[in-house]
């Protein structure tokens, strides 16, 4: 499995900002909480200390995760005028529930409620490489669904 991840420039900027906040504000705040909890006495029975240490572990894990994502990121450029669906393209299609529109992005930015689907999802994989007029078959848990590509932006 590849460590590379696809991400748009705004998504990259958002991750970089989150990393900055985690490394500065969040680290300082959790260090203060840990210090205050230590001052309460016996650490073996100190719930505040245990909670703060768990939060610290979460923050440090997220920092490592974001640093790895940023290090291995492949920037998606918006594909306009493409004849085939690629990562970064917006595909408009007809299906059993009418016309829909999705932009294909990397898994870290996927948010179907905002029209962003992962290139790794069943529907994202099915659309990759298709052209206007193609009918794609998507194998979903509820069964096979067919979609017709009407436009690529």
Protein backbone atom coordinates (compact mmCIF):
# COMPACT_ATOMS: atom_id res chain seq x y z
CA UNK A 1 0.00 0.00 0.00
CA UNK A 2 1.28 3.43 -0.93
CA UNK A 3 1.74 6.17 1.65
CA UNK A 4 0.88 8.77 -0.98
CA UNK A 5 -2.36 10.65 -0.56
CA UNK A 6 -4.19 12.91 -2.99
CA UNK A 7 -5.27 16.30 -1.70
CA UNK A 8 -6.36 19.63 -3.14
CA UNK A 9 -4.42 22.82 -2.42
CA UNK A 10 -7.16 24.13 -0.07
CA UNK A 11 -7.17 20.78 1.71
CA UNK A 12 -3.39 20.93 2.07
CA UNK A 13 -3.61 24.45 3.47
CA UNK A 14 -6.29 23.34 5.94
CA UNK A 15 -4.10 20.47 7.17
CA UNK A 16 -1.08 22.76 7.49
CA UNK A 17 -3.16 25.19 9.59
CA UNK A 18 -4.45 22.35 11.79
CA UNK A 19 -0.85 21.18 12.31
CA UNK A 20 0.22 24.69 13.32
CA UNK A 21 -2.61 24.93 15.88
CA UNK A 22 -1.85 21.48 17.27
CA UNK A 23 1.88 22.19 17.63
CA UNK A 24 1.45 25.58 19.24
CA UNK A 25 -1.87 26.20 20.96
CA UNK A 26 -2.99 22.64 21.71
CA UNK A 27 0.41 21.41 22.92
CA UNK A 28 0.76 24.38 25.29
CA UNK A 29 -2.78 23.97 26.61
CA UNK A 30 -2.37 20.27 27.29
CA UNK A 31 1.02 20.80 28.95
CA UNK A 32 -0.66 23.29 31.31
CA UNK A 33 -3.47 20.84 32.06
CA UNK A 34 -0.96 18.09 32.84
CA UNK A 35 1.02 20.39 35.13
CA UNK A 36 -2.14 21.46 36.98
CA UNK A 37 -3.20 17.83 37.35
CA UNK A 38 0.23 16.89 38.74
CA UNK A 39 -0.14 19.56 41.39
CA UNK A 40 -3.32 17.84 42.64
CA UNK A 41 -1.26 15.02 44.11
CA UNK A 42 -1.33 11.23 43.71
CA UNK A 43 -1.17 10.56 39.97
CA UNK A 44 -2.31 6.94 40.26
CA UNK A 45 -5.82 8.05 41.23
CA UNK A 46 -5.95 11.37 39.40
CA UNK A 47 -8.63 11.25 36.69
CA UNK A 48 -7.77 14.73 35.43
CA UNK A 49 -4.15 13.67 34.89
CA UNK A 50 -5.17 10.48 33.08
CA UNK A 51 -7.58 12.39 30.85
CA UNK A 52 -4.97 15.04 30.03
CA UNK A 53 -2.37 12.36 29.18
CA UNK A 54 -4.89 10.64 26.89
CA UNK A 55 -5.62 13.93 25.14
CA UNK A 56 -1.89 14.57 24.80
CA UNK A 57 -1.45 11.15 23.17
CA UNK A 58 -4.28 11.92 20.76
CA UNK A 59 -2.77 15.31 19.84
CA UNK A 60 0.69 13.84 19.29
CA UNK A 61 -0.80 11.05 17.17
CA UNK A 62 -2.69 13.56 15.04
CA UNK A 63 0.49 15.63 14.59
CA UNK A 64 2.33 12.56 13.31
CA UNK A 65 -0.59 11.67 11.03
CA UNK A 66 -0.76 15.17 9.51
CA UNK A 67 3.02 15.38 9.08
CA UNK A 68 2.95 12.07 7.19
CA UNK A 69 0.03 13.23 5.05
CA UNK A 70 1.81 16.48 4.18
CA UNK A 71 5.09 14.68 3.45
CA UNK A 72 3.42 12.22 1.07
CA UNK A 73 0.78 14.51 -0.43
CA UNK A 74 0.17 14.67 -4.14
CA UNK A 75 -1.55 17.96 -4.96
CA UNK A 76 -4.70 17.52 -7.04
CA UNK A 77 -5.10 20.17 -9.68
CA UNK A 78 -8.63 20.92 -10.78
CA UNK A 79 -9.11 19.15 -14.08
CA UNK A 80 -11.18 21.29 -16.39
CA UNK A 81 -11.84 20.33 -19.97
CA UNK A 82 -10.77 16.74 -19.44
CA UNK A 83 -12.36 14.12 -21.70
CA UNK A 84 -11.99 11.40 -19.06
CA UNK A 85 -12.76 11.43 -15.36
CA UNK A 86 -9.61 11.87 -13.26
CA UNK A 87 -8.92 12.78 -9.67
CA UNK A 88 -9.84 16.46 -9.36
CA UNK A 89 -12.63 16.30 -11.94
CA UNK A 90 -16.25 17.03 -11.22
CA UNK A 91 -18.52 14.44 -12.81
CA UNK A 92 -22.23 14.96 -13.42
CA UNK A 93 -24.23 11.79 -13.89
CA UNK A 94 -27.73 10.34 -14.04
CA UNK A 95 -28.72 7.43 -11.87
CA UNK A 96 -31.66 5.84 -10.13
CA UNK A 97 -32.15 8.94 -7.97
CA UNK A 98 -31.81 11.55 -10.71
CA UNK A 99 -28.89 13.76 -11.64
CA UNK A 100 -26.02 14.18 -9.19
CA UNK A 101 -22.65 15.90 -9.19
CA UNK A 102 -19.50 14.82 -7.37
CA UNK A 103 -15.91 16.01 -7.39
CA UNK A 104 -13.41 13.19 -7.04
CA UNK A 105 -10.83 13.94 -4.35
CA UNK A 106 -8.42 12.02 -2.12
CA UNK A 107 -9.78 10.01 0.79
CA UNK A 108 -8.69 12.61 3.37
CA UNK A 109 -10.97 15.26 1.89
CA UNK A 110 -13.96 13.10 1.03
CA UNK A 111 -17.28 14.49 2.25
CA UNK A 112 -20.22 13.19 0.20
CA UNK A 113 -22.60 15.66 1.86
CA UNK A 114 -20.54 18.45 0.22
CA UNK A 115 -20.26 16.62 -3.13
CA UNK A 116 -16.72 15.35 -2.54
CA UNK A 117 -16.14 11.62 -3.02
CA UNK A 118 -12.96 9.64 -2.53
CA UNK A 119 -11.07 8.20 -5.45
CA UNK A 120 -10.90 5.04 -3.31
CA UNK A 121 -14.68 4.72 -2.81
CA UNK A 122 -16.61 2.26 -4.99
CA UNK A 123 -18.36 5.08 -6.88
CA UNK A 124 -15.15 7.12 -7.22
CA UNK A 125 -13.24 4.12 -8.57
CA UNK A 126 -16.05 3.32 -11.01
CA UNK A 127 -16.04 6.82 -12.50
CA UNK A 128 -12.25 7.12 -12.91
CA UNK A 129 -11.36 6.75 -16.59
CA UNK A 130 -14.94 7.05 -17.83
CA UNK A 131 -16.05 9.49 -20.55
CA UNK A 132 -19.22 11.47 -21.26
CA UNK A 133 -21.86 9.01 -22.43
CA UNK A 134 -20.33 6.03 -20.61
CA UNK A 135 -22.44 3.98 -18.25
CA UNK A 136 -20.55 2.85 -15.18
CA UNK A 137 -21.44 -0.02 -12.92
CA UNK A 138 -20.97 0.49 -9.20
CA UNK A 139 -21.02 -2.47 -6.85
CA UNK A 140 -22.56 -1.28 -3.60
CA UNK A 141 -23.56 -3.28 -0.52
CA UNK A 142 -27.22 -3.05 -1.59
CA UNK A 143 -26.40 -4.32 -5.10
CA UNK A 144 -25.18 -3.11 -8.49
CA UNK A 145 -26.18 0.40 -9.59
CA UNK A 146 -25.67 1.92 -13.04
CA UNK A 147 -24.86 5.59 -13.65
CA UNK A 148 -24.59 7.46 -16.94
CA UNK A 149 -21.90 10.15 -17.21
CA UNK A 150 -23.49 13.32 -18.64
CA UNK A 151 -20.70 15.86 -18.09
CA UNK A 152 -17.13 16.20 -16.87
CA UNK A 153 -15.94 19.52 -15.46
